[in-house]
Amino acid sequence: MLDVSHHANLAAALLGVFDSQISGGKRYDLATAGRRLANATYFDARSADKCTAIDWAVDLTPPIEDEQLSVVN
């Protein structure tokens, strides 16, 4: 879980780089911001939000460092 609550203006600017996708009628900029807000809201239903936006990440370092591990089932 990555707290991405801070610097929403930077996140919006980075999403704006993909203007060709956004101007094509798909509002990826709004959807991405909405998903981050929803992730934070739905993360823990029984307590107040500790952050306002969350992204999820997976550490793929172990399979990179160990050839015996695989990301494929």
PDB file of N, CA and C in Angstrom:
ATOM      1  N   MET A   1       0.841  -1.172   0.000  1.00  0.00           N
ATOM      2  CA  MET A   1       0.000   0.000   0.000  1.00  0.00           C
ATOM      3  C   MET A   1       0.888   1.237   0.000  1.00  0.00           C
ATOM      4  N   LEU A   2       0.644   2.133  -0.929  1.00  0.00           N
ATOM      5  CA  LEU A   2       1.403   3.372  -1.015  1.00  0.00           C
ATOM      6  C   LEU A   2       0.467   4.554  -0.785  1.00  0.00           C
ATOM      7  N   ASP A   3       0.785   5.355   0.208  1.00  0.00           N
ATOM      8  CA  ASP A   3       0.013   6.567   0.475  1.00  0.00           C
ATOM      9  C   ASP A   3       0.409   7.614  -0.565  1.00  0.00           C
ATOM     10  N   VAL A   4      -0.513   7.943  -1.459  1.00  0.00           N
ATOM     11  CA  VAL A   4      -0.247   8.947  -2.487  1.00  0.00           C
ATOM     12  C   VAL A   4      -1.132  10.178  -2.274  1.00  0.00           C
ATOM     13  N   SER A   5      -1.448  10.455  -1.008  1.00  0.00           N
ATOM     14  CA  SER A   5      -2.320  11.569  -0.664  1.00  0.00           C
ATOM     15  C   SER A   5      -1.693  12.927  -0.948  1.00  0.00           C
ATOM     16  N   HIS A   6      -0.411  13.008  -0.779  1.00  0.00           N
ATOM     17  CA  HIS A   6       0.273  14.293  -0.911  1.00  0.00           C
ATOM     18  C   HIS A   6       0.556  14.614  -2.377  1.00  0.00           C
ATOM     19  N   HIS A   7       0.603  15.864  -2.699  1.00  0.00           N
ATOM     20  CA  HIS A   7       0.969  16.353  -4.030  1.00  0.00           C
ATOM     21  C   HIS A   7       0.001  15.900  -5.116  1.00  0.00           C
ATOM     22  N   ALA A   8      -1.285  16.070  -4.858  1.00  0.00           N
ATOM     23  CA  ALA A   8      -2.302  15.728  -5.859  1.00  0.00           C
ATOM     24  C   ALA A   8      -2.086  16.528  -7.141  1.00  0.00           C
ATOM     25  N   ASN A   9      -1.548  17.738  -7.008  1.00  0.00           N
ATOM     26  CA  ASN A   9      -1.286  18.556  -8.194  1.00  0.00           C
ATOM     27  C   ASN A   9      -0.224  17.915  -9.082  1.00  0.00           C
ATOM     28  N   LEU A  10       0.793  17.303  -8.481  1.00  0.00           N
ATOM     29  CA  LEU A  10       1.822  16.616  -9.250  1.00  0.00           C
ATOM     30  C   LEU A  10       1.240  15.383  -9.942  1.00  0.00           C
ATOM     31  N   ALA A  11       0.396  14.642  -9.239  1.00  0.00           N
ATOM     32  CA  ALA A  11      -0.244  13.468  -9.831  1.00  0.00           C
ATOM     33  C   ALA A  11      -1.099  13.872 -11.030  1.00  0.00           C
ATOM     34  N   ALA A  12      -1.841  14.968 -10.910  1.00  0.00           N
ATOM     35  CA  ALA A  12      -2.669  15.445 -12.018  1.00  0.00           C
ATOM     36  C   ALA A  12      -1.810  15.864 -13.200  1.00  0.00           C
ATOM     37  N   ALA A  13      -0.692  16.514 -12.917  1.00  0.00           N
ATOM     38  CA  ALA A  13       0.208  16.935 -13.994  1.00  0.00           C
ATOM     39  C   ALA A  13       0.810  15.725 -14.717  1.00  0.00           C
ATOM     40  N   LEU A  14       1.188  14.709 -13.954  1.00  0.00           N
ATOM     41  CA  LEU A  14       1.743  13.508 -14.569  1.00  0.00           C
ATOM     42  C   LEU A  14       0.708  12.795 -15.434  1.00  0.00           C
ATOM     43  N   LEU A  15      -0.528  12.722 -14.965  1.00  0.00           N
ATOM     44  CA  LEU A  15      -1.588  12.109 -15.766  1.00  0.00           C
ATOM     45  C   LEU A  15      -1.886  12.933 -17.013  1.00  0.00           C
ATOM     46  N   GLY A  16      -1.712  14.235 -16.925  1.00  0.00           N
ATOM     47  CA  GLY A  16      -1.942  15.116 -18.062  1.00  0.00           C
ATOM     48  C   GLY A  16      -0.979  14.891 -19.209  1.00  0.00           C
ATOM     49  N   VAL A  17       0.140  14.245 -18.930  1.00  0.00           N
ATOM     50  CA  VAL A  17       1.114  13.936 -19.981  1.00  0.00           C
ATOM     51  C   VAL A  17       0.482  13.030 -21.038  1.00  0.00           C
ATOM     52  N   PHE A  18      -0.494  12.231 -20.645  1.00  0.00           N
ATOM     53  CA  PHE A  18      -1.155  11.299 -21.550  1.00  0.00           C
ATOM     54  C   PHE A  18      -2.394  11.943 -22.172  1.00  0.00           C
ATOM     55  N   ASP A  19      -2.248  13.175 -22.619  1.00  0.00           N
ATOM     56  CA  ASP A  19      -3.359  13.955 -23.156  1.00  0.00           C
ATOM     57  C   ASP A  19      -4.027  13.273 -24.339  1.00  0.00           C
ATOM     58  N   SER A  20      -3.268  12.567 -25.158  1.00  0.00           N
ATOM     59  CA  SER A  20      -3.864  11.929 -26.336  1.00  0.00           C
ATOM     60  C   SER A  20      -4.905  10.888 -25.927  1.00  0.00           C
ATOM     61  N   GLN A  21      -4.696  10.226 -24.810  1.00  0.00           N
ATOM     62  CA  GLN A  21      -5.683   9.257 -24.334  1.00  0.00           C
ATOM     63  C   GLN A  21      -6.876   9.967 -23.700  1.00  0.00           C
ATOM     64  N   ILE A  22      -6.595  11.015 -22.947  1.00  0.00           N
ATOM     65  CA  ILE A  22      -7.662  11.744 -22.259  1.00  0.00           C
ATOM     66  C   ILE A  22      -8.549  12.471 -23.257  1.00  0.00           C
ATOM     67  N   SER A  23      -7.953  13.116 -24.254  1.00  0.00           N
ATOM     68  CA  SER A  23      -8.736  13.883 -25.216  1.00  0.00           C
ATOM     69  C   SER A  23      -9.531  12.986 -26.160  1.00  0.00           C
ATOM     70  N   GLY A  24      -9.247  11.700 -26.160  1.00  0.00           N
ATOM     71  CA  GLY A  24      -9.984  10.763 -26.999  1.00  0.00           C
ATOM     72  C   GLY A  24     -11.331  10.372 -26.420  1.00  0.00           C
ATOM     73  N   GLY A  25     -11.701  10.934 -25.289  1.00  0.00           N
ATOM     74  CA  GLY A  25     -13.010  10.664 -24.725  1.00  0.00           C
ATOM     75  C   GLY A  25     -12.992   9.763 -23.498  1.00  0.00           C
ATOM     76  N   LYS A  26     -11.851   9.217 -23.159  1.00  0.00           N
ATOM     77  CA  LYS A  26     -11.732   8.386 -21.959  1.00  0.00           C
ATOM     78  C   LYS A  26     -11.063   9.230 -20.883  1.00  0.00           C
ATOM     79  N   ARG A  27     -11.725   9.462 -19.779  1.00  0.00           N
ATOM     80  CA  ARG A  27     -11.202  10.316 -18.727  1.00  0.00           C
ATOM     81  C   ARG A  27     -10.356   9.526 -17.737  1.00  0.00           C
ATOM     82  N   TYR A  28      -9.227   9.044 -18.229  1.00  0.00           N
ATOM     83  CA  TYR A  28      -8.311   8.291 -17.385  1.00  0.00           C
ATOM     84  C   TYR A  28      -7.803   9.130 -16.217  1.00  0.00           C
ATOM     85  N   ASP A  29      -7.680  10.437 -16.435  1.00  0.00           N
ATOM     86  CA  ASP A  29      -7.211  11.313 -15.363  1.00  0.00           C
ATOM     87  C   ASP A  29      -8.179  11.299 -14.187  1.00  0.00           C
ATOM     88  N   LEU A  30      -9.466  11.441 -14.458  1.00  0.00           N
ATOM     89  CA  LEU A  30     -10.466  11.428 -13.394  1.00  0.00           C
ATOM     90  C   LEU A  30     -10.627  10.034 -12.794  1.00  0.00           C
ATOM     91  N   ALA A  31     -10.585   9.024 -13.642  1.00  0.00           N
ATOM     92  CA  ALA A  31     -10.748   7.646 -13.167  1.00  0.00           C
ATOM     93  C   ALA A  31      -9.607   7.234 -12.252  1.00  0.00           C
ATOM     94  N   THR A  32      -8.384   7.621 -12.611  1.00  0.00           N
ATOM     95  CA  THR A  32      -7.228   7.270 -11.783  1.00  0.00           C
ATOM     96  C   THR A  32      -7.308   7.954 -10.426  1.00  0.00           C
ATOM     97  N   ALA A  33      -7.646   9.229 -10.422  1.00  0.00           N
ATOM     98  CA  ALA A  33      -7.798   9.946  -9.151  1.00  0.00           C
ATOM     99  C   ALA A  33      -8.925   9.325  -8.329  1.00  0.00           C
ATOM    100  N   GLY A  34     -10.035   8.978  -8.971  1.00  0.00           N
ATOM    101  CA  GLY A  34     -11.159   8.363  -8.276  1.00  0.00           C
ATOM    102  C   GLY A  34     -10.804   7.006  -7.692  1.00  0.00           C
ATOM    103  N   ARG A  35     -10.048   6.222  -8.442  1.00  0.00           N
ATOM    104  CA  ARG A  35      -9.642   4.900  -7.939  1.00  0.00           C
ATOM    105  C   ARG A  35      -8.756   5.036  -6.703  1.00  0.00           C
ATOM    106  N   ARG A  36      -7.855   6.001  -6.721  1.00  0.00           N
ATOM    107  CA  ARG A  36      -6.983   6.208  -5.560  1.00  0.00           C
ATOM    108  C   ARG A  36      -7.793   6.614  -4.331  1.00  0.00           C
ATOM    109  N   LEU A  37      -8.780   7.484  -4.524  1.00  0.00           N
ATOM    110  CA  LEU A  37      -9.644   7.891  -3.416  1.00  0.00           C
ATOM    111  C   LEU A  37     -10.460   6.707  -2.909  1.00  0.00           C
ATOM    112  N   ALA A  38     -10.999   5.919  -3.831  1.00  0.00           N
ATOM    113  CA  ALA A  38     -11.785   4.748  -3.443  1.00  0.00           C
ATOM    114  C   ALA A  38     -10.924   3.733  -2.701  1.00  0.00           C
ATOM    115  N   ASN A  39      -9.703   3.518  -3.161  1.00  0.00           N
ATOM    116  CA  ASN A  39      -8.799   2.593  -2.465  1.00  0.00           C
ATOM    117  C   ASN A  39      -8.620   3.007  -1.009  1.00  0.00           C
ATOM    118  N   ALA A  40      -8.443   4.297  -0.776  1.00  0.00           N
ATOM    119  CA  ALA A  40      -8.252   4.780   0.595  1.00  0.00           C
ATOM    120  C   ALA A  40      -9.526   4.604   1.415  1.00  0.00           C
ATOM    121  N   THR A  41     -10.670   4.872   0.813  1.00  0.00           N
ATOM    122  CA  THR A  41     -11.938   4.770   1.528  1.00  0.00           C
ATOM    123  C   THR A  41     -12.281   3.332   1.878  1.00  0.00           C
ATOM    124  N   TYR A  42     -12.113   2.419   0.936  1.00  0.00           N
ATOM    125  CA  TYR A  42     -12.503   1.023   1.136  1.00  0.00           C
ATOM    126  C   TYR A  42     -11.432   0.177   1.817  1.00  0.00           C
ATOM    127  N   PHE A  43     -10.244   0.730   2.018  1.00  0.00           N
ATOM    128  CA  PHE A  43      -9.143  -0.033   2.602  1.00  0.00           C
ATOM    129  C   PHE A  43      -9.487  -0.606   3.967  1.00  0.00           C
ATOM    130  N   ASP A  44     -10.049   0.213   4.843  1.00  0.00           N
ATOM    131  CA  ASP A  44     -10.393  -0.236   6.196  1.00  0.00           C
ATOM    132  C   ASP A  44     -11.774   0.307   6.546  1.00  0.00           C
ATOM    133  N   ALA A  45     -12.765  -0.550   6.464  1.00  0.00           N
ATOM    134  CA  ALA A  45     -14.150  -0.127   6.667  1.00  0.00           C
ATOM    135  C   ALA A  45     -14.478   0.212   8.108  1.00  0.00           C
ATOM    136  N   ARG A  46     -13.652  -0.187   9.033  1.00  0.00           N
ATOM    137  CA  ARG A  46     -13.999  -0.032  10.450  1.00  0.00           C
ATOM    138  C   ARG A  46     -13.285   1.109  11.174  1.00  0.00           C
ATOM    139  N   SER A  47     -12.504   1.888  10.437  1.00  0.00           N
ATOM    140  CA  SER A  47     -11.838   3.011  11.092  1.00  0.00           C
ATOM    141  C   SER A  47     -11.748   4.194  10.125  1.00  0.00           C
ATOM    142  N   ALA A  48     -11.473   5.351  10.701  1.00  0.00           N
ATOM    143  CA  ALA A  48     -11.349   6.555   9.885  1.00  0.00           C
ATOM    144  C   ALA A  48     -10.134   6.430   8.965  1.00  0.00           C
ATOM    145  N   ASP A  49     -10.220   7.068   7.808  1.00  0.00           N
ATOM    146  CA  ASP A  49      -9.125   7.006   6.833  1.00  0.00           C
ATOM    147  C   ASP A  49      -7.868   7.660   7.384  1.00  0.00           C
ATOM    148  N   LYS A  50      -6.756   6.977   7.229  1.00  0.00           N
ATOM    149  CA  LYS A  50      -5.464   7.526   7.636  1.00  0.00           C
ATOM    150  C   LYS A  50      -4.831   8.331   6.507  1.00  0.00           C
ATOM    151  N   CYS A  51      -5.263   8.075   5.281  1.00  0.00           N
ATOM    152  CA  CYS A  51      -4.805   8.835   4.128  1.00  0.00           C
ATOM    153  C   CYS A  51      -5.976   8.977   3.161  1.00  0.00           C
ATOM    154  N   THR A  52      -5.862   9.892   2.221  1.00  0.00           N
ATOM    155  CA  THR A  52      -6.979  10.154   1.316  1.00  0.00           C
ATOM    156  C   THR A  52      -6.831   9.509  -0.055  1.00  0.00           C
ATOM    157  N   ALA A  53      -5.653   8.976  -0.346  1.00  0.00           N
ATOM    158  CA  ALA A  53      -5.433   8.327  -1.645  1.00  0.00           C
ATOM    159  C   ALA A  53      -4.399   7.214  -1.483  1.00  0.00           C
ATOM    160  N   ILE A  54      -4.699   6.060  -2.086  1.00  0.00           N
ATOM    161  CA  ILE A  54      -3.810   4.895  -1.986  1.00  0.00           C
ATOM    162  C   ILE A  54      -3.616   4.281  -3.369  1.00  0.00           C
ATOM    163  N   ASP A  55      -2.386   3.912  -3.670  1.00  0.00           N
ATOM    164  CA  ASP A  55      -2.063   3.065  -4.816  1.00  0.00           C
ATOM    165  C   ASP A  55      -1.527   1.756  -4.270  1.00  0.00           C
ATOM    166  N   TRP A  56      -1.701   0.697  -5.015  1.00  0.00           N
ATOM    167  CA  TRP A  56      -1.192  -0.610  -4.618  1.00  0.00           C
ATOM    168  C   TRP A  56       0.041  -0.940  -5.445  1.00  0.00           C
ATOM    169  N   ALA A  57       0.994  -1.608  -4.832  1.00  0.00           N
ATOM    170  CA  ALA A  57       2.223  -1.983  -5.528  1.00  0.00           C
ATOM    171  C   ALA A  57       2.643  -3.384  -5.083  1.00  0.00           C
ATOM    172  N   VAL A  58       3.427  -4.029  -5.918  1.00  0.00           N
ATOM    173  CA  VAL A  58       3.959  -5.353  -5.616  1.00  0.00           C
ATOM    174  C   VAL A  58       5.477  -5.276  -5.751  1.00  0.00           C
ATOM    175  N   ASP A  59       6.176  -5.747  -4.751  1.00  0.00           N
ATOM    176  CA  ASP A  59       7.636  -5.786  -4.792  1.00  0.00           C
ATOM    177  C   ASP A  59       8.076  -7.006  -5.597  1.00  0.00           C
ATOM    178  N   LEU A  60       8.598  -6.777  -6.781  1.00  0.00           N
ATOM    179  CA  LEU A  60       9.049  -7.865  -7.643  1.00  0.00           C
ATOM    180  C   LEU A  60      10.550  -8.119  -7.536  1.00  0.00           C
ATOM    181  N   THR A  61      11.171  -7.573  -6.504  1.00  0.00           N
ATOM    182  CA  THR A  61      12.597  -7.789  -6.306  1.00  0.00           C
ATOM    183  C   THR A  61      12.941  -9.266  -6.096  1.00  0.00           C
ATOM    184  N   PRO A  62      12.216 -10.023  -5.260  1.00  0.00           N
ATOM    185  CA  PRO A  62      12.587 -11.429  -5.050  1.00  0.00           C
ATOM    186  C   PRO A  62      12.666 -12.262  -6.337  1.00  0.00           C
ATOM    187  N   PRO A  63      11.681 -12.219  -7.246  1.00  0.00           N
ATOM    188  CA  PRO A  63      11.837 -13.030  -8.451  1.00  0.00           C
ATOM    189  C   PRO A  63      12.920 -12.516  -9.400  1.00  0.00           C
ATOM    190  N   ILE A  64      13.274 -11.256  -9.285  1.00  0.00           N
ATOM    191  CA  ILE A  64      14.367 -10.731 -10.104  1.00  0.00           C
ATOM    192  C   ILE A  64      15.699 -11.246  -9.590  1.00  0.00           C
ATOM    193  N   GLU A  65      15.836 -11.316  -8.284  1.00  0.00           N
ATOM    194  CA  GLU A  65      17.100 -11.726  -7.673  1.00  0.00           C
ATOM    195  C   GLU A  65      17.264 -13.249  -7.604  1.00  0.00           C
ATOM    196  N   ASP A  66      16.168 -13.993  -7.616  1.00  0.00           N
ATOM    197  CA  ASP A  66      16.223 -15.443  -7.474  1.00  0.00           C
ATOM    198  C   ASP A  66      15.588 -16.090  -8.704  1.00  0.00           C
ATOM    199  N   GLU A  67      16.381 -16.698  -9.553  1.00  0.00           N
ATOM    200  CA  GLU A  67      15.890 -17.293 -10.792  1.00  0.00           C
ATOM    201  C   GLU A  67      14.956 -18.487 -10.548  1.00  0.00           C
ATOM    202  N   GLN A  68      14.967 -19.033  -9.349  1.00  0.00           N
ATOM    203  CA  GLN A  68      14.079 -20.150  -9.018  1.00  0.00           C
ATOM    204  C   GLN A  68      12.633 -19.694  -8.802  1.00  0.00           C
ATOM    205  N   LEU A  69      12.466 -18.407  -8.526  1.00  0.00           N
ATOM    206  CA  LEU A  69      11.122 -17.847  -8.329  1.00  0.00           C
ATOM    207  C   LEU A  69      10.559 -17.388  -9.653  1.00  0.00           C
ATOM    208  N   SER A  70       9.238 -17.406  -9.764  1.00  0.00           N
ATOM    209  CA  SER A  70       8.588 -16.998 -10.980  1.00  0.00           C
ATOM    210  C   SER A  70       7.338 -16.186 -10.647  1.00  0.00           C
ATOM    211  N   VAL A  71       6.995 -15.247 -11.513  1.00  0.00           N
ATOM    212  CA  VAL A  71       5.757 -14.481 -11.345  1.00  0.00           C
ATOM    213  C   VAL A  71       4.610 -15.183 -12.066  1.00  0.00           C
ATOM    214  N   VAL A  72       4.910 -16.289 -12.747  1.00  0.00           N
ATOM    215  CA  VAL A  72       3.901 -17.058 -13.467  1.00  0.00           C
ATOM    216  C   VAL A  72       3.452 -18.202 -12.565  1.00  0.00           C
ATOM    217  N   ASN A  73       2.158 -18.464 -12.532  1.00  0.00           N
ATOM    218  CA  ASN A  73       1.620 -19.556 -11.725  1.00  0.00           C
ATOM    219  C   ASN A  73       2.071 -20.892 -12.213  1.00  0.00           C
TER     220      ASN A  73
END
